[in-house]
Amino acid sequence: MTAESGRATGRRETIRGAVAAGHPETAAAAAEVLADGGNAFDAVVAGLAASVVVEPALSSLGGGGFLVAHPVNGRPLVLDFFAQTPARAAPYDQRPLDFRPVLADFGTTTQEFHVGRAAAAVPGMIPGMCAIQRDLGRLPLARLLEPGIRLARDGVPLAALQAHIHTVIAPILLHTAEARAVFGDPADPARTQPAGHRLRLPALADTLDLLGREGERIARDGPVAEAIAALCADGGLLTGADCQRYRVLRHAPLDRGFRGARVLTNPPPSSGGALIAFGLALVEDEPAGESGPPPDPATLARIMRATGLARDESGLTWGADDARVEALLAEPMLARGRAALAGRAHKAGGTTHLSVLDAEGNAAACTVSNGEGCGHMVPGCGFMLNNMLGEEDLNPAGFFRWAPDTRVSSMMAPTLAERPDGTVMALGSGGSNRIRTALLQVLCRVLAADEPLVDAIAAPRLHVERDHLDLEPGFAAADVRACAEAFPDHRVWPEPSMFYGGVHAVARQADGTFEAAGDPRRGGAARLAEPS
């Protein structure tokens, strides 16, 4: 068995499972629970509880996400615990809303986000964690939260990647005095904490401890729900009734075939899974057919462009539902995508991912997000509320035009792939619009070229947005020339970047070998769990 921060391999006889995540402590918490007899879904809950401590700009009890699960003795399913719009639309009376723009500085460019109490949608993280444990786990919730509580009380040195993210969104993390007290540098409160600073979150530890003792009622009609309602009473839209009404949704996953494998991914209201399925269908139609190598980079870039056009034409830009996804994946739309290819004519997201497989055969892929955060800490609870209603990508029709009491659409696409020989893979990514292209490229490399996970994840990536192509370094010179010819508007980046997502994946091969790989672009970590 080998184990590194970004890669781990081992045999089933010696381990209880494999984990890949966005931080070493997130992976370690999940592996600890596996070693203690928990299953893959217990490990997901433990990993999520750790992630809200060590990845607080990406994962929060004030956010939400999706789990794609395949229990060994059951049907695959999706648990949707993403954010929900408030039951009341934005008031148009004289009461002002707390909603304002801030600029995030990415170094080479800036991006506008909107924050404030009115940017927050109803969070689903606590109900989601409880639903995963109740429906699919076997260890008590309090046991699953122990690693996260320990990390929050003792503190964890801020990882370099997390410190960088905090610097980028500093105007959000330093937006209020309460947030500055948590994320500000004690030596200079006008700056976020530097890498290596020990981040202690005692109020969050107390909240996790209370969650372990009292369960999800704390987020429905208990102290967390009351604190959220009190925070949003001044310029926000959420109420205690919104928290009481929130429910975790259960769906069948989007189920597609690719190169003999079964690919299970996120269905509506997520659009990311459908766009990955569309891209895989176009890859399958390439001259190499159903058994040849994956497309060359220039062809893959054209497939991405065709997918983006299909997203617009099917209406997915404005939100995902069953009818729009059906239209996207129907033969007429696929035919237009093929025609576009034949003619040859032509955001850093606050998201993280956790993949877990156990030795019993359970598989879990879970992606979560807090947006960038709304700038306000939930009083007394130790976490920041999301800003999903202030995300321009999630509100294409304009701010405050959302339908009340509905799920916010998302690009998140946790995914499972199952081969006929019994090989199973769980993967997912952060990265906003780059999620679908990052996962498409890794799936093609693993399922079409049989590359090991670690190589498929480390390989250079590209991304197409409208007619603009971005490429990481590392492609062959001939491929770069072909891409440049096909996309005159292009940029070759000087080094790999978190812009291209962070794919954290695990696989269990037919012979029982486990493989886990975390994406170095986003601080990825991999762990194998040995019996305790």
Protein backbone atom coordinates (compact mmCIF):
# COMPACT_ATOMS: atom_id res chain seq x y z
CA MET A 1 0.00 0.00 0.00
CA THR A 2 1.18 3.52 -0.74
CA ALA A 3 -0.21 6.76 0.58
CA GLU A 4 0.67 10.34 -0.37
CA SER A 5 -1.06 13.68 0.09
CA GLY A 6 -2.47 13.51 -3.43
CA ARG A 7 -2.51 9.79 -4.23
CA ALA A 8 -3.15 6.47 -2.50
CA THR A 9 -3.36 2.87 -3.70
CA GLY A 10 -3.95 -0.43 -1.90
CA ARG A 11 -5.65 -3.83 -1.89
CA ARG A 12 -9.14 -4.49 -0.55
CA GLU A 13 -7.84 -7.15 1.84
CA THR A 14 -5.92 -4.56 3.85
CA ILE A 15 -8.13 -1.49 3.82
CA ARG A 16 -11.71 -0.46 4.51
CA GLY A 17 -12.00 2.14 1.78
CA ALA A 18 -10.53 5.07 -0.08
CA VAL A 19 -11.11 8.82 0.10
CA ALA A 20 -10.20 11.81 -2.08
CA ALA A 21 -10.98 15.35 -0.97
CA GLY A 22 -9.94 18.97 -1.13
CA HIS A 23 -7.88 19.06 2.08
CA PRO A 24 -5.77 16.48 3.97
CA GLU A 25 -7.86 16.90 7.13
CA THR A 26 -11.12 16.42 5.22
CA ALA A 27 -9.76 13.16 3.80
CA ALA A 28 -8.34 12.11 7.17
CA ALA A 29 -11.68 12.61 8.95
CA ALA A 30 -13.48 10.45 6.39
CA ALA A 31 -10.77 7.78 6.56
CA GLU A 32 -10.92 7.78 10.39
CA VAL A 33 -14.60 6.92 10.30
CA LEU A 34 -14.07 4.20 7.69
CA ALA A 35 -11.36 2.68 9.88
CA ASP A 36 -13.76 2.75 12.84
CA GLY A 37 -16.32 0.63 10.98
CA GLY A 38 -18.34 3.29 9.21
CA ASN A 39 -19.41 2.93 5.60
CA ALA A 40 -18.81 5.30 2.69
CA PHE A 41 -21.79 7.47 3.61
CA ASP A 42 -20.71 7.80 7.22
CA ALA A 43 -17.33 8.88 5.85
CA VAL A 44 -18.97 11.54 3.67
CA VAL A 45 -20.69 13.10 6.70
CA ALA A 46 -17.45 13.07 8.69
CA GLY A 47 -15.60 14.60 5.76
CA LEU A 48 -18.20 17.32 5.33
CA ALA A 49 -18.02 18.20 9.04
CA ALA A 50 -14.24 18.54 8.72
CA SER A 51 -14.47 20.50 5.47
CA VAL A 52 -16.53 23.29 7.03
CA VAL A 53 -13.60 23.82 9.42
CA VAL A 54 -10.58 23.48 7.13
CA GLU A 55 -12.16 24.68 3.84
CA PRO A 56 -14.45 27.41 5.23
CA ALA A 57 -14.46 29.58 2.10
CA LEU A 58 -15.73 26.62 0.05
CA SER A 59 -17.79 24.52 2.46
CA SER A 60 -20.07 25.82 5.21
CA LEU A 61 -23.01 24.83 7.34
CA GLY A 62 -24.55 27.88 5.64
CA GLY A 63 -24.33 26.29 2.18
CA GLY A 64 -25.50 23.07 0.54
CA GLY A 65 -24.73 20.44 -2.07
CA PHE A 66 -25.47 17.11 -3.72
CA LEU A 67 -24.64 13.47 -3.03
CA VAL A 68 -24.71 10.81 -5.75
CA ALA A 69 -24.82 7.48 -3.92
CA HIS A 70 -24.95 3.83 -4.91
CA PRO A 71 -25.52 1.63 -1.86
CA VAL A 72 -24.20 -1.90 -2.36
CA ASN A 73 -27.65 -3.40 -1.75
CA GLY A 74 -29.80 -0.70 -3.27
CA ARG A 75 -30.51 1.49 -6.24
CA PRO A 76 -28.42 4.56 -6.99
CA LEU A 77 -29.92 7.83 -5.84
CA VAL A 78 -29.19 11.52 -5.50
CA LEU A 79 -29.71 13.48 -2.30
CA ASP A 80 -30.20 17.14 -3.17
CA PHE A 81 -29.48 19.40 -0.21
CA PHE A 82 -28.63 22.48 -2.20
CA ALA A 83 -29.87 25.99 -1.44
CA GLN A 84 -33.55 26.95 -1.78
CA THR A 85 -34.95 30.38 -2.64
CA PRO A 86 -36.97 32.10 0.10
CA ALA A 87 -40.74 31.70 0.09
CA ARG A 88 -41.23 35.43 -0.36
CA ALA A 89 -39.90 37.37 -3.31
CA ALA A 90 -37.84 40.49 -2.75
CA PRO A 91 -40.06 43.20 -1.24
CA TYR A 92 -40.51 46.31 -3.32
CA ASP A 93 -41.64 48.54 -0.49
CA GLN A 94 -39.49 51.10 1.30
CA ARG A 95 -37.54 48.57 3.34
CA PRO A 96 -33.97 48.52 1.97
CA LEU A 97 -32.30 45.21 1.21
CA ASP A 98 -28.78 44.43 2.37
CA PHE A 99 -27.36 43.56 -1.06
CA ARG A 100 -24.24 45.11 -2.52
CA PRO A 101 -21.43 44.34 -4.97
CA VAL A 102 -17.85 43.58 -4.00
CA LEU A 103 -14.82 42.93 -6.20
CA ALA A 104 -12.73 39.79 -5.81
CA ASP A 105 -9.14 40.23 -6.97
CA PHE A 106 -7.76 37.23 -8.89
CA GLY A 107 -4.49 38.99 -9.69
CA THR A 108 -4.86 39.09 -13.47
CA THR A 109 -8.51 40.12 -13.30
CA THR A 110 -11.30 41.07 -10.91
CA GLN A 111 -14.80 39.65 -10.64
CA GLU A 112 -17.90 41.18 -9.12
CA PHE A 113 -19.94 39.25 -6.57
CA HIS A 114 -22.94 40.38 -4.54
CA VAL A 115 -23.07 39.93 -0.79
CA GLY A 116 -25.25 40.93 2.13
CA ARG A 117 -28.15 39.36 4.00
CA ALA A 118 -30.41 39.48 0.93
CA ALA A 119 -27.87 37.41 -1.05
CA ALA A 120 -28.49 34.35 1.15
CA ALA A 121 -30.68 31.43 0.11
CA VAL A 122 -32.01 28.79 2.52
CA PRO A 123 -29.04 26.56 3.47
CA GLY A 124 -29.32 22.79 3.22
CA MET A 125 -26.03 21.51 4.61
CA ILE A 126 -27.25 20.48 8.08
CA PRO A 127 -30.43 18.74 6.81
CA GLY A 128 -28.32 17.10 4.09
CA MET A 129 -25.71 15.72 6.48
CA CYS A 130 -28.45 14.39 8.73
CA ALA A 131 -30.31 12.79 5.82
CA ILE A 132 -27.15 11.04 4.60
CA GLN A 133 -26.49 9.63 8.07
CA ARG A 134 -30.11 8.66 8.70
CA ASP A 135 -30.83 7.10 5.30
CA LEU A 136 -27.50 5.55 4.36
CA GLY A 137 -25.10 5.51 7.31
CA ARG A 138 -24.81 3.26 10.33
CA LEU A 139 -22.72 5.07 12.94
CA PRO A 140 -24.29 7.67 15.26
CA LEU A 141 -24.22 11.25 14.01
CA ALA A 142 -22.29 12.38 17.09
CA ARG A 143 -19.46 9.97 16.23
CA LEU A 144 -19.29 11.25 12.66
CA LEU A 145 -18.91 14.84 13.83
CA GLU A 146 -16.08 14.15 16.29
CA PRO A 147 -13.19 14.85 13.87
CA GLY A 148 -14.73 18.16 12.79
CA ILE A 149 -15.37 19.23 16.38
CA ARG A 150 -11.80 18.36 17.32
CA LEU A 151 -10.40 20.35 14.38
CA ALA A 152 -12.56 23.37 15.16
CA ARG A 153 -11.57 23.42 18.85
CA ASP A 154 -7.86 22.73 18.42
CA GLY A 155 -7.43 24.77 15.27
CA VAL A 156 -5.69 23.86 12.01
CA PRO A 157 -2.87 25.74 10.27
CA LEU A 158 -4.38 27.48 7.25
CA ALA A 159 -3.28 25.64 4.09
CA ALA A 160 -1.56 27.67 1.37
CA LEU A 161 -4.40 27.16 -1.12
CA GLN A 162 -7.04 28.13 1.44
CA ALA A 163 -5.04 31.24 2.38
CA HIS A 164 -4.87 32.18 -1.32
CA ILE A 165 -8.63 31.77 -1.72
CA HIS A 166 -9.19 33.89 1.38
CA THR A 167 -6.99 36.61 -0.13
CA VAL A 168 -8.98 36.58 -3.38
CA ILE A 169 -12.33 36.98 -1.62
CA ALA A 170 -11.00 39.13 1.22
CA PRO A 171 -13.69 41.81 0.67
CA ILE A 172 -16.27 39.16 1.57
CA LEU A 173 -14.45 37.52 4.48
CA LEU A 174 -13.68 40.94 5.97
CA HIS A 175 -17.08 42.46 5.12
CA THR A 176 -18.31 42.70 8.73
CA ALA A 177 -16.68 43.00 12.15
CA GLU A 178 -17.92 39.50 13.03
CA ALA A 179 -16.33 38.02 9.90
CA ARG A 180 -13.09 39.95 10.45
CA ALA A 181 -12.88 38.51 13.95
CA VAL A 182 -12.82 35.01 12.42
CA PHE A 183 -10.88 35.46 9.17
CA GLY A 184 -8.85 38.64 9.73
CA ASP A 185 -5.13 38.59 10.44
CA PRO A 186 -4.67 39.54 14.12
CA ALA A 187 -1.56 41.50 13.12
CA ASP A 188 -3.47 43.42 10.42
CA PRO A 189 -7.28 43.06 10.47
CA ALA A 190 -7.42 44.69 7.01
CA ARG A 191 -5.93 41.46 5.62
CA THR A 192 -7.00 37.83 5.82
CA GLN A 193 -4.91 35.37 7.79
CA PRO A 194 -1.68 34.16 6.21
CA ALA A 195 -0.89 30.55 5.37
CA GLY A 196 0.14 28.65 8.49
CA HIS A 197 -1.99 30.71 10.86
CA ARG A 198 -3.89 28.38 13.19
CA LEU A 199 -7.58 28.92 12.50
CA ARG A 200 -9.65 28.10 15.58
CA LEU A 201 -13.45 28.09 15.36
CA PRO A 202 -14.82 27.45 18.88
CA ALA A 203 -18.35 28.65 18.04
CA LEU A 204 -18.48 26.27 15.08
CA ALA A 205 -17.25 23.45 17.35
CA ASP A 206 -20.14 24.21 19.70
CA THR A 207 -22.62 24.14 16.80
CA LEU A 208 -21.32 20.79 15.55
CA ASP A 209 -21.45 19.41 19.10
CA LEU A 210 -25.06 20.59 19.45
CA LEU A 211 -25.89 19.04 16.07
CA GLY A 212 -24.53 15.70 17.24
CA ARG A 213 -26.69 15.82 20.36
CA GLU A 214 -29.94 17.28 18.99
CA GLY A 215 -29.90 16.53 15.26
CA GLU A 216 -31.26 18.60 12.42
CA ARG A 217 -33.97 20.29 14.50
CA ILE A 218 -31.36 22.89 15.38
CA ALA A 219 -31.56 24.05 11.74
CA ARG A 220 -35.36 23.82 11.50
CA ASP A 221 -36.81 25.43 14.62
CA GLY A 222 -33.84 25.38 16.98
CA PRO A 223 -31.03 27.82 17.73
CA VAL A 224 -29.37 27.77 14.29
CA ALA A 225 -32.66 28.49 12.51
CA GLU A 226 -33.44 31.23 15.01
CA ALA A 227 -30.01 32.80 14.49
CA ILE A 228 -30.41 32.74 10.69
CA ALA A 229 -33.85 34.35 10.92
CA ALA A 230 -32.55 37.01 13.30
CA LEU A 231 -29.62 37.79 11.01
CA CYS A 232 -31.84 38.12 7.94
CA ALA A 233 -34.55 40.18 9.66
CA ASP A 234 -32.52 43.31 8.94
CA GLY A 235 -32.31 43.61 5.17
CA GLY A 236 -32.56 39.93 4.30
CA LEU A 237 -35.27 37.65 2.94
CA LEU A 238 -34.94 34.38 4.85
CA THR A 239 -37.34 33.63 7.71
CA GLY A 240 -37.67 30.93 10.32
CA ALA A 241 -40.50 29.47 8.23
CA ASP A 242 -38.08 28.98 5.32
CA CYS A 243 -35.83 26.90 7.55
CA GLN A 244 -38.76 24.86 8.84
CA ARG A 245 -40.05 24.19 5.32
CA TYR A 246 -36.70 23.10 3.85
CA ARG A 247 -36.56 19.44 2.75
CA VAL A 248 -33.81 17.28 1.29
CA LEU A 249 -34.93 16.07 -2.15
CA ARG A 250 -34.32 12.58 -3.52
CA HIS A 251 -33.95 11.86 -7.23
CA ALA A 252 -32.88 9.09 -9.52
CA PRO A 253 -29.51 10.04 -11.03
CA LEU A 254 -29.07 10.90 -14.69
CA ASP A 255 -28.02 7.51 -16.08
CA ARG A 256 -26.03 7.39 -19.35
CA GLY A 257 -23.69 4.96 -21.07
CA PHE A 258 -20.14 5.76 -22.25
CA ARG A 259 -17.55 3.33 -23.63
CA GLY A 260 -19.33 0.42 -22.00
CA ALA A 261 -19.50 2.11 -18.60
CA ARG A 262 -22.58 3.30 -16.75
CA VAL A 263 -22.21 6.96 -15.81
CA LEU A 264 -24.45 8.21 -12.98
CA THR A 265 -24.49 11.95 -12.45
CA ASN A 266 -26.52 14.84 -11.09
CA PRO A 267 -30.00 15.35 -12.64
CA PRO A 268 -32.09 18.56 -12.66
CA PRO A 269 -32.12 21.03 -11.03
CA SER A 270 -28.38 20.75 -11.63
CA SER A 271 -27.36 21.45 -15.22
CA GLY A 272 -23.78 20.20 -14.90
CA GLY A 273 -24.59 16.49 -15.10
CA ALA A 274 -26.68 16.92 -18.26
CA LEU A 275 -23.93 18.93 -19.97
CA ILE A 276 -21.36 16.24 -19.12
CA ALA A 277 -23.73 13.63 -20.59
CA PHE A 278 -24.11 15.72 -23.77
CA GLY A 279 -20.33 16.04 -24.11
CA LEU A 280 -19.82 12.29 -23.60
CA ALA A 281 -22.42 11.58 -26.30
CA LEU A 282 -20.51 13.74 -28.78
CA VAL A 283 -17.23 12.04 -27.83
CA GLU A 284 -18.88 8.68 -28.51
CA ASP A 285 -19.86 9.89 -31.99
CA GLU A 286 -16.30 10.76 -32.99
CA PRO A 287 -14.64 8.58 -35.71
CA ALA A 288 -12.84 6.57 -33.04
CA GLY A 289 -16.28 5.31 -32.08
CA GLU A 290 -17.09 3.40 -28.93
CA SER A 291 -13.70 1.76 -28.40
CA GLY A 292 -11.00 4.10 -29.70
CA PRO A 293 -8.88 6.66 -27.89
CA PRO A 294 -10.36 9.92 -26.57
CA PRO A 295 -10.53 12.90 -28.94
CA ASP A 296 -7.49 15.04 -29.57
CA PRO A 297 -7.46 18.38 -27.67
CA ALA A 298 -8.70 20.46 -30.61
CA THR A 299 -11.68 18.15 -31.15
CA LEU A 300 -12.40 18.09 -27.42
CA ALA A 301 -12.39 21.90 -27.42
CA ARG A 302 -14.94 21.91 -30.26
CA ILE A 303 -17.08 19.46 -28.28
CA MET A 304 -16.98 21.85 -25.33
CA ARG A 305 -18.01 24.73 -27.59
CA ALA A 306 -20.88 22.69 -29.06
CA THR A 307 -21.98 21.79 -25.53
CA GLY A 308 -22.06 25.45 -24.57
CA LEU A 309 -24.16 26.31 -27.59
CA ALA A 310 -26.53 23.45 -26.79
CA ARG A 311 -26.79 24.73 -23.22
CA ASP A 312 -28.03 28.06 -24.56
CA GLU A 313 -30.35 26.55 -27.17
CA SER A 314 -32.00 24.12 -24.75
CA GLY A 315 -32.62 26.88 -22.20
CA LEU A 316 -30.35 25.41 -19.51
CA THR A 317 -28.72 28.81 -19.16
CA TRP A 318 -31.95 29.91 -17.47
CA GLY A 319 -32.30 26.89 -15.21
CA ALA A 320 -32.44 23.10 -15.40
CA ASP A 321 -35.60 21.02 -15.35
CA ASP A 322 -36.56 17.63 -16.77
CA ALA A 323 -38.00 19.07 -20.00
CA ARG A 324 -34.88 21.11 -20.79
CA VAL A 325 -32.55 18.21 -20.03
CA GLU A 326 -34.68 15.93 -22.19
CA ALA A 327 -34.41 18.46 -25.01
CA LEU A 328 -30.64 18.71 -24.56
CA LEU A 329 -30.09 14.95 -24.74
CA ALA A 330 -32.66 14.25 -27.47
CA GLU A 331 -31.50 13.27 -30.95
CA PRO A 332 -32.29 16.62 -32.66
CA MET A 333 -30.00 18.54 -30.29
CA LEU A 334 -27.28 15.91 -30.50
CA ALA A 335 -27.55 16.02 -34.29
CA ARG A 336 -27.01 19.77 -34.28
CA GLY A 337 -24.00 19.25 -32.02
CA ARG A 338 -22.58 16.70 -34.47
CA ALA A 339 -23.18 19.08 -37.37
CA ALA A 340 -21.33 21.86 -35.57
CA LEU A 341 -18.37 19.53 -35.08
CA ALA A 342 -18.45 18.27 -38.66
CA GLY A 343 -18.42 21.82 -40.01
CA ARG A 344 -15.37 22.77 -37.94
CA ALA A 345 -16.67 26.31 -38.42
CA HIS A 346 -15.95 27.86 -35.75
CA LYS A 347 -15.52 31.44 -12.72
CA ALA A 348 -12.90 30.54 -9.18
CA GLY A 349 -15.93 28.92 -7.59
CA GLY A 350 -16.58 28.45 -3.90
CA THR A 351 -17.01 24.69 -4.29
CA THR A 352 -15.30 21.54 -3.04
CA HIS A 353 -15.76 17.81 -3.49
CA LEU A 354 -15.40 14.53 -1.57
CA SER A 355 -15.31 11.01 -3.10
CA VAL A 356 -15.52 7.80 -1.02
CA LEU A 357 -15.63 4.08 -1.81
CA ASP A 358 -15.68 1.39 0.88
CA ALA A 359 -14.65 -2.25 0.81
CA GLU A 360 -18.28 -3.37 1.06
CA GLY A 361 -19.12 -1.88 -2.33
CA ASN A 362 -20.80 1.41 -1.37
CA ALA A 363 -19.97 4.42 -3.56
CA ALA A 364 -20.42 8.12 -2.79
CA ALA A 365 -19.62 11.35 -4.63
CA CYS A 366 -20.51 14.59 -2.85
CA THR A 367 -20.03 18.20 -4.01
CA VAL A 368 -20.83 21.18 -1.79
CA SER A 369 -20.64 24.96 -2.01
CA ASN A 370 -21.16 28.13 -0.03
CA GLY A 371 -20.92 30.38 -3.07
CA GLU A 372 -18.38 32.88 -1.84
CA GLY A 373 -20.31 33.62 1.36
CA CYS A 374 -22.58 36.60 1.99
CA GLY A 375 -20.14 38.40 4.33
CA HIS A 376 -22.23 37.77 7.47
CA MET A 377 -21.52 35.19 10.15
CA VAL A 378 -24.59 33.50 11.62
CA PRO A 379 -24.65 34.92 15.18
CA GLY A 380 -23.19 32.58 17.76
CA CYS A 381 -22.89 29.68 15.29
CA GLY A 382 -19.40 30.13 13.84
CA PHE A 383 -20.15 29.92 10.12
CA MET A 384 -20.90 32.28 7.24
CA LEU A 385 -24.17 32.13 5.32
CA ASN A 386 -24.12 31.57 1.54
CA ASN A 387 -24.59 34.19 -1.20
CA MET A 388 -26.38 32.01 -3.78
CA LEU A 389 -28.90 34.78 -4.55
CA GLY A 390 -25.96 37.08 -5.33
CA GLU A 391 -24.25 34.75 -7.81
CA GLU A 392 -24.67 36.14 -11.33
CA ASP A 393 -24.10 32.69 -12.88
CA LEU A 394 -26.98 31.28 -10.83
CA ASN A 395 -29.30 34.20 -11.56
CA PRO A 396 -29.08 34.69 -15.37
CA ALA A 397 -32.48 36.37 -15.58
CA GLY A 398 -31.33 39.04 -13.14
CA PHE A 399 -31.18 39.38 -9.38
CA PHE A 400 -34.42 38.91 -7.40
CA ARG A 401 -36.21 37.42 -10.41
CA TRP A 402 -36.06 33.89 -9.04
CA ALA A 403 -39.21 31.88 -8.38
CA PRO A 404 -39.96 31.73 -4.64
CA ASP A 405 -39.45 28.48 -2.73
CA THR A 406 -37.55 26.61 -5.45
CA ARG A 407 -34.13 24.98 -5.66
CA VAL A 408 -31.32 27.13 -6.97
CA SER A 409 -29.84 25.63 -10.15
CA SER A 410 -26.20 24.56 -10.08
CA MET A 411 -23.32 23.36 -12.24
CA MET A 412 -22.23 20.86 -9.55
CA ALA A 413 -22.05 17.32 -10.89
CA PRO A 414 -20.87 14.60 -8.48
CA THR A 415 -20.56 11.48 -10.62
CA LEU A 416 -20.17 7.70 -10.39
CA ALA A 417 -18.91 5.48 -13.24
CA GLU A 418 -19.43 1.71 -13.18
CA ARG A 419 -17.87 -0.72 -15.64
CA PRO A 420 -19.27 -4.18 -16.46
CA ASP A 421 -16.23 -5.88 -14.84
CA GLY A 422 -17.15 -4.36 -11.47
CA THR A 423 -14.78 -1.40 -11.53
CA VAL A 424 -16.36 1.61 -9.80
CA MET A 425 -15.20 5.23 -9.80
CA ALA A 426 -16.49 8.22 -7.81
CA LEU A 427 -15.46 11.73 -8.80
CA GLY A 428 -16.47 15.35 -8.82
CA SER A 429 -15.00 18.83 -8.96
CA GLY A 430 -15.28 22.41 -7.88
CA GLY A 431 -14.81 25.23 -10.35
CA SER A 432 -18.13 26.82 -11.43
CA ASN A 433 -18.49 26.55 -15.23
CA ARG A 434 -15.27 24.53 -15.41
CA ILE A 435 -16.81 21.63 -13.47
CA ARG A 436 -18.38 20.05 -16.53
CA THR A 437 -15.26 20.36 -18.71
CA ALA A 438 -12.90 19.13 -15.97
CA LEU A 439 -15.01 16.02 -15.37
CA LEU A 440 -15.51 15.40 -19.10
CA GLN A 441 -11.74 15.33 -19.64
CA VAL A 442 -11.01 13.03 -16.69
CA LEU A 443 -13.85 10.65 -17.66
CA CYS A 444 -12.53 10.46 -21.22
CA ARG A 445 -8.99 9.74 -20.10
CA VAL A 446 -10.02 7.03 -17.63
CA LEU A 447 -12.88 5.36 -19.52
CA ALA A 448 -11.61 5.77 -23.09
CA ALA A 449 -7.83 5.61 -22.61
CA ASP A 450 -7.61 3.51 -19.40
CA GLU A 451 -5.32 6.05 -17.75
CA PRO A 452 -4.75 5.73 -14.01
CA LEU A 453 -6.72 8.27 -11.98
CA VAL A 454 -3.68 10.18 -10.83
CA ASP A 455 -2.43 10.62 -14.42
CA ALA A 456 -5.86 11.56 -15.76
CA ILE A 457 -6.27 14.20 -13.06
CA ALA A 458 -2.76 15.61 -13.44
CA ALA A 459 -2.98 15.83 -17.25
CA PRO A 460 -3.28 19.33 -18.76
CA ARG A 461 -6.81 20.64 -19.25
CA LEU A 462 -8.58 23.05 -21.50
CA HIS A 463 -11.84 24.95 -21.22
CA VAL A 464 -14.05 26.68 -23.79
CA GLU A 465 -16.46 29.50 -22.95
CA ARG A 466 -18.32 30.73 -26.03
CA ASP A 467 -15.50 31.17 -28.59
CA HIS A 468 -12.67 31.66 -26.10
CA LEU A 469 -10.29 28.76 -25.36
CA ASP A 470 -8.07 28.48 -22.28
CA LEU A 471 -5.31 25.86 -22.17
CA GLU A 472 -3.02 24.72 -19.40
CA PRO A 473 0.65 24.14 -20.26
CA GLY A 474 1.70 20.60 -21.11
CA PHE A 475 -0.12 19.87 -24.37
CA ALA A 476 1.96 18.75 -27.34
CA ALA A 477 3.03 21.61 -29.60
CA ALA A 478 1.05 20.19 -32.53
CA ASP A 479 -2.11 20.06 -30.39
CA VAL A 480 -1.61 23.66 -29.25
CA ARG A 481 -1.24 24.77 -32.90
CA ALA A 482 -4.41 22.89 -33.88
CA CYS A 483 -6.31 24.44 -30.98
CA ALA A 484 -5.05 27.93 -31.85
CA GLU A 485 -6.13 27.48 -35.46
CA ALA A 486 -9.62 26.39 -34.40
CA PHE A 487 -9.91 29.09 -31.70
CA PRO A 488 -8.08 32.30 -32.64
CA ASP A 489 -9.33 33.77 -29.35
CA HIS A 490 -7.26 31.64 -26.99
CA ARG A 491 -4.83 31.82 -24.09
CA VAL A 492 -2.12 29.37 -23.05
CA TRP A 493 -1.65 29.66 -19.29
CA PRO A 494 1.89 29.74 -17.88
CA GLU A 495 1.15 27.12 -15.21
CA PRO A 496 -1.61 24.76 -14.00
CA SER A 497 -4.38 26.60 -12.14
CA MET A 498 -7.35 26.05 -9.85
CA PHE A 499 -9.31 27.81 -12.61
CA TYR A 500 -9.52 24.39 -14.31
CA GLY A 501 -11.34 22.77 -11.38
CA GLY A 502 -10.26 20.29 -8.76
CA VAL A 503 -11.21 16.70 -9.55
CA HIS A 504 -10.97 14.47 -6.48
CA ALA A 505 -11.63 10.83 -7.39
CA VAL A 506 -11.46 7.28 -6.07
CA ALA A 507 -11.69 3.95 -7.89
CA ARG A 508 -12.07 0.32 -6.91
CA GLN A 509 -10.77 -1.95 -9.67
CA ALA A 510 -12.25 -5.34 -10.53
CA ASP A 511 -9.34 -7.09 -8.75
CA GLY A 512 -10.07 -5.22 -5.51
CA THR A 513 -7.33 -2.63 -5.83
CA PHE A 514 -8.23 0.84 -4.58
CA GLU A 515 -6.91 4.02 -6.14
CA ALA A 516 -7.51 7.53 -4.84
CA ALA A 517 -6.25 10.84 -6.22
CA GLY A 518 -6.75 14.44 -5.14
CA ASP A 519 -6.28 17.24 -7.63
CA PRO A 520 -3.15 19.29 -6.83
CA ARG A 521 -4.79 22.32 -8.48
CA ARG A 522 -7.09 22.58 -5.45
CA GLY A 523 -5.07 21.14 -2.59
CA GLY A 524 -6.34 17.61 -3.19
CA ALA A 525 -5.60 14.83 -0.73
CA ALA A 526 -6.10 11.05 -0.80
CA ARG A 527 -6.33 8.54 2.04
CA LEU A 528 -6.81 4.81 2.48
CA ALA A 529 -8.51 3.58 5.64
CA GLU A 530 -6.99 0.63 7.50
CA PRO A 531 -8.90 -1.16 10.27
CA SER A 532 -8.45 0.64 13.58
